[in-house]
Amino acid sequence: MNPLKNQGANVWIFGSRARGDHQEYSDLDLMVSADIDISANR
């Protein structure tokens, strides 16, 4: 996550893993927000 933070992005985790009620195979829900284009394909 630090490389994204170093580019000015904010990263949030949400859903069952963030709440702590996830199951063994639950996915990880992330949201990334930035004021500039941080995509790898620029």
PDB file of N, CA and C in Angstrom:
ATOM      1  N   MET A   1       0.808  -1.194   0.000  1.00  0.00           N
ATOM      2  CA  MET A   1       0.000   0.000   0.000  1.00  0.00           C
ATOM      3  C   MET A   1       0.854   1.261   0.000  1.00  0.00           C
ATOM      4  N   ASN A   2       2.053   1.201   0.532  1.00  0.00           N
ATOM      5  CA  ASN A   2       2.893   2.395   0.581  1.00  0.00           C
ATOM      6  C   ASN A   2       3.212   2.965  -0.793  1.00  0.00           C
ATOM      7  N   PRO A   3       3.469   2.140  -1.831  1.00  0.00           N
ATOM      8  CA  PRO A   3       3.700   2.751  -3.146  1.00  0.00           C
ATOM      9  C   PRO A   3       2.520   3.599  -3.607  1.00  0.00           C
ATOM     10  N   LEU A   4       1.296   3.171  -3.335  1.00  0.00           N
ATOM     11  CA  LEU A   4       0.128   3.974  -3.692  1.00  0.00           C
ATOM     12  C   LEU A   4       0.057   5.232  -2.847  1.00  0.00           C
ATOM     13  N   LYS A   5       0.316   5.105  -1.567  1.00  0.00           N
ATOM     14  CA  LYS A   5       0.298   6.268  -0.679  1.00  0.00           C
ATOM     15  C   LYS A   5       1.349   7.284  -1.109  1.00  0.00           C
ATOM     16  N   ASN A   6       2.513   6.805  -1.518  1.00  0.00           N
ATOM     17  CA  ASN A   6       3.582   7.704  -1.964  1.00  0.00           C
ATOM     18  C   ASN A   6       3.201   8.473  -3.221  1.00  0.00           C
ATOM     19  N   GLN A   7       2.228   7.967  -3.983  1.00  0.00           N
ATOM     20  CA  GLN A   7       1.744   8.655  -5.179  1.00  0.00           C
ATOM     21  C   GLN A   7       0.528   9.532  -4.879  1.00  0.00           C
ATOM     22  N   GLY A   8       0.153   9.637  -3.624  1.00  0.00           N
ATOM     23  CA  GLY A   8      -0.962  10.494  -3.243  1.00  0.00           C
ATOM     24  C   GLY A   8      -2.312   9.813  -3.249  1.00  0.00           C
ATOM     25  N   ALA A   9      -2.338   8.488  -3.260  1.00  0.00           N
ATOM     26  CA  ALA A   9      -3.607   7.757  -3.285  1.00  0.00           C
ATOM     27  C   ALA A   9      -4.069   7.430  -1.871  1.00  0.00           C
ATOM     28  N   ASN A  10      -5.364   7.264  -1.745  1.00  0.00           N
ATOM     29  CA  ASN A  10      -5.969   6.768  -0.511  1.00  0.00           C
ATOM     30  C   ASN A  10      -6.504   5.374  -0.794  1.00  0.00           C
ATOM     31  N   VAL A  11      -6.301   4.438   0.119  1.00  0.00           N
ATOM     32  CA  VAL A  11      -6.761   3.061  -0.049  1.00  0.00           C
ATOM     33  C   VAL A  11      -7.634   2.690   1.140  1.00  0.00           C
ATOM     34  N   TRP A  12      -8.821   2.172   0.842  1.00  0.00           N
ATOM     35  CA  TRP A  12      -9.748   1.733   1.876  1.00  0.00           C
ATOM     36  C   TRP A  12     -10.046   0.256   1.695  1.00  0.00           C
ATOM     37  N   ILE A  13     -10.176  -0.451   2.799  1.00  0.00           N
ATOM     38  CA  ILE A  13     -10.676  -1.822   2.795  1.00  0.00           C
ATOM     39  C   ILE A  13     -12.090  -1.777   3.355  1.00  0.00           C
ATOM     40  N   PHE A  14     -12.993  -2.550   2.749  1.00  0.00           N
ATOM     41  CA  PHE A  14     -14.369  -2.577   3.226  1.00  0.00           C
ATOM     42  C   PHE A  14     -14.922  -3.985   3.064  1.00  0.00           C
ATOM     43  N   GLY A  15     -16.091  -4.212   3.538  1.00  0.00           N
ATOM     44  CA  GLY A  15     -16.721  -5.522   3.423  1.00  0.00           C
ATOM     45  C   GLY A  15     -16.434  -6.402   4.627  1.00  0.00           C
ATOM     46  N   SER A  16     -16.642  -7.695   4.428  1.00  0.00           N
ATOM     47  CA  SER A  16     -16.577  -8.634   5.552  1.00  0.00           C
ATOM     48  C   SER A  16     -15.191  -8.723   6.176  1.00  0.00           C
ATOM     49  N   ARG A  17     -14.127  -8.611   5.398  1.00  0.00           N
ATOM     50  CA  ARG A  17     -12.780  -8.678   5.993  1.00  0.00           C
ATOM     51  C   ARG A  17     -12.508  -7.448   6.860  1.00  0.00           C
ATOM     52  N   ALA A  18     -12.991  -6.293   6.460  1.00  0.00           N
ATOM     53  CA  ALA A  18     -12.811  -5.085   7.271  1.00  0.00           C
ATOM     54  C   ALA A  18     -13.631  -5.169   8.558  1.00  0.00           C
ATOM     55  N   ARG A  19     -14.813  -5.771   8.460  1.00  0.00           N
ATOM     56  CA  ARG A  19     -15.665  -5.911   9.646  1.00  0.00           C
ATOM     57  C   ARG A  19     -15.199  -7.031  10.558  1.00  0.00           C
ATOM     58  N   GLY A  20     -14.438  -7.983  10.010  1.00  0.00           N
ATOM     59  CA  GLY A  20     -13.959  -9.104  10.807  1.00  0.00           C
ATOM     60  C   GLY A  20     -14.897 -10.296  10.840  1.00  0.00           C
ATOM     61  N   ASP A  21     -15.917 -10.295   9.983  1.00  0.00           N
ATOM     62  CA  ASP A  21     -16.846 -11.436   9.957  1.00  0.00           C
ATOM     63  C   ASP A  21     -16.730 -12.238   8.658  1.00  0.00           C
ATOM     64  N   HIS A  22     -15.534 -12.263   8.079  1.00  0.00           N
ATOM     65  CA  HIS A  22     -15.293 -12.957   6.811  1.00  0.00           C
ATOM     66  C   HIS A  22     -15.224 -14.471   6.994  1.00  0.00           C
ATOM     67  N   GLN A  23     -15.385 -15.158   5.884  1.00  0.00           N
ATOM     68  CA  GLN A  23     -15.233 -16.607   5.831  1.00  0.00           C
ATOM     69  C   GLN A  23     -13.846 -16.924   5.272  1.00  0.00           C
ATOM     70  N   GLU A  24     -13.462 -18.190   5.267  1.00  0.00           N
ATOM     71  CA  GLU A  24     -12.118 -18.587   4.830  1.00  0.00           C
ATOM     72  C   GLU A  24     -11.805 -18.109   3.410  1.00  0.00           C
ATOM     73  N   TYR A  25     -12.768 -18.188   2.499  1.00  0.00           N
ATOM     74  CA  TYR A  25     -12.512 -17.839   1.098  1.00  0.00           C
ATOM     75  C   TYR A  25     -13.124 -16.501   0.689  1.00  0.00           C
ATOM     76  N   SER A  26     -13.408 -15.642   1.635  1.00  0.00           N
ATOM     77  CA  SER A  26     -13.949 -14.319   1.312  1.00  0.00           C
ATOM     78  C   SER A  26     -12.913 -13.496   0.561  1.00  0.00           C
ATOM     79  N   ASP A  27     -13.400 -12.683  -0.360  1.00  0.00           N
ATOM     80  CA  ASP A  27     -12.485 -11.817  -1.100  1.00  0.00           C
ATOM     81  C   ASP A  27     -12.110 -10.596  -0.271  1.00  0.00           C
ATOM     82  N   LEU A  28     -11.181  -9.826  -0.787  1.00  0.00           N
ATOM     83  CA  LEU A  28     -10.729  -8.599  -0.135  1.00  0.00           C
ATOM     84  C   LEU A  28     -11.237  -7.430  -0.970  1.00  0.00           C
ATOM     85  N   ASP A  29     -12.073  -6.598  -0.391  1.00  0.00           N
ATOM     86  CA  ASP A  29     -12.652  -5.455  -1.093  1.00  0.00           C
ATOM     87  C   ASP A  29     -11.814  -4.216  -0.820  1.00  0.00           C
ATOM     88  N   LEU A  30     -11.304  -3.604  -1.890  1.00  0.00           N
ATOM     89  CA  LEU A  30     -10.486  -2.395  -1.777  1.00  0.00           C
ATOM     90  C   LEU A  30     -11.058  -1.296  -2.650  1.00  0.00           C
ATOM     91  N   MET A  31     -10.904  -0.064  -2.204  1.00  0.00           N
ATOM     92  CA  MET A  31     -11.212   1.099  -3.022  1.00  0.00           C
ATOM     93  C   MET A  31      -9.975   1.986  -3.013  1.00  0.00           C
ATOM     94  N   VAL A  32      -9.560   2.423  -4.202  1.00  0.00           N
ATOM     95  CA  VAL A  32      -8.399   3.300  -4.335  1.00  0.00           C
ATOM     96  C   VAL A  32      -8.871   4.604  -4.953  1.00  0.00           C
ATOM     97  N   SER A  33      -8.476   5.710  -4.361  1.00  0.00           N
ATOM     98  CA  SER A  33      -8.866   7.032  -4.832  1.00  0.00           C
ATOM     99  C   SER A  33      -7.620   7.904  -4.924  1.00  0.00           C
ATOM    100  N   ALA A  34      -7.531   8.678  -6.013  1.00  0.00           N
ATOM    101  CA  ALA A  34      -6.400   9.593  -6.180  1.00  0.00           C
ATOM    102  C   ALA A  34      -6.833  10.780  -7.022  1.00  0.00           C
ATOM    103  N   ASP A  35      -6.210  11.914  -6.790  1.00  0.00           N
ATOM    104  CA  ASP A  35      -6.511  13.118  -7.562  1.00  0.00           C
ATOM    105  C   ASP A  35      -5.825  13.117  -8.922  1.00  0.00           C
ATOM    106  N   ILE A  36      -4.809  12.264  -9.092  1.00  0.00           N
ATOM    107  CA  ILE A  36      -4.090  12.170 -10.362  1.00  0.00           C
ATOM    108  C   ILE A  36      -4.193  10.746 -10.895  1.00  0.00           C
ATOM    109  N   ASP A  37      -3.827  10.541 -12.161  1.00  0.00           N
ATOM    110  CA  ASP A  37      -3.843   9.215 -12.775  1.00  0.00           C
ATOM    111  C   ASP A  37      -2.678   8.397 -12.229  1.00  0.00           C
ATOM    112  N   ILE A  38      -2.986   7.338 -11.486  1.00  0.00           N
ATOM    113  CA  ILE A  38      -1.936   6.480 -10.932  1.00  0.00           C
ATOM    114  C   ILE A  38      -1.959   5.100 -11.580  1.00  0.00           C
ATOM    115  N   SER A  39      -2.704   4.967 -12.672  1.00  0.00           N
ATOM    116  CA  SER A  39      -2.792   3.667 -13.334  1.00  0.00           C
ATOM    117  C   SER A  39      -1.445   3.283 -13.929  1.00  0.00           C
ATOM    118  N   ALA A  40      -1.229   1.995 -14.076  1.00  0.00           N
ATOM    119  CA  ALA A  40       0.044   1.482 -14.599  1.00  0.00           C
ATOM    120  C   ALA A  40       0.171   1.722 -16.096  1.00  0.00           C
ATOM    121  N   ASN A  41      -0.935   1.968 -16.784  1.00  0.00           N
ATOM    122  CA  ASN A  41      -0.928   2.109 -18.245  1.00  0.00           C
ATOM    123  C   ASN A  41      -0.974   3.562 -18.690  1.00  0.00           C
ATOM    124  N   ARG A  42      -0.184   4.408 -18.098  1.00  0.00           N
ATOM    125  CA  ARG A  42      -0.228   5.809 -18.517  1.00  0.00           C
ATOM    126  C   ARG A  42       0.787   6.098 -19.575  1.00  0.00           C
TER     127      ARG A  42
END
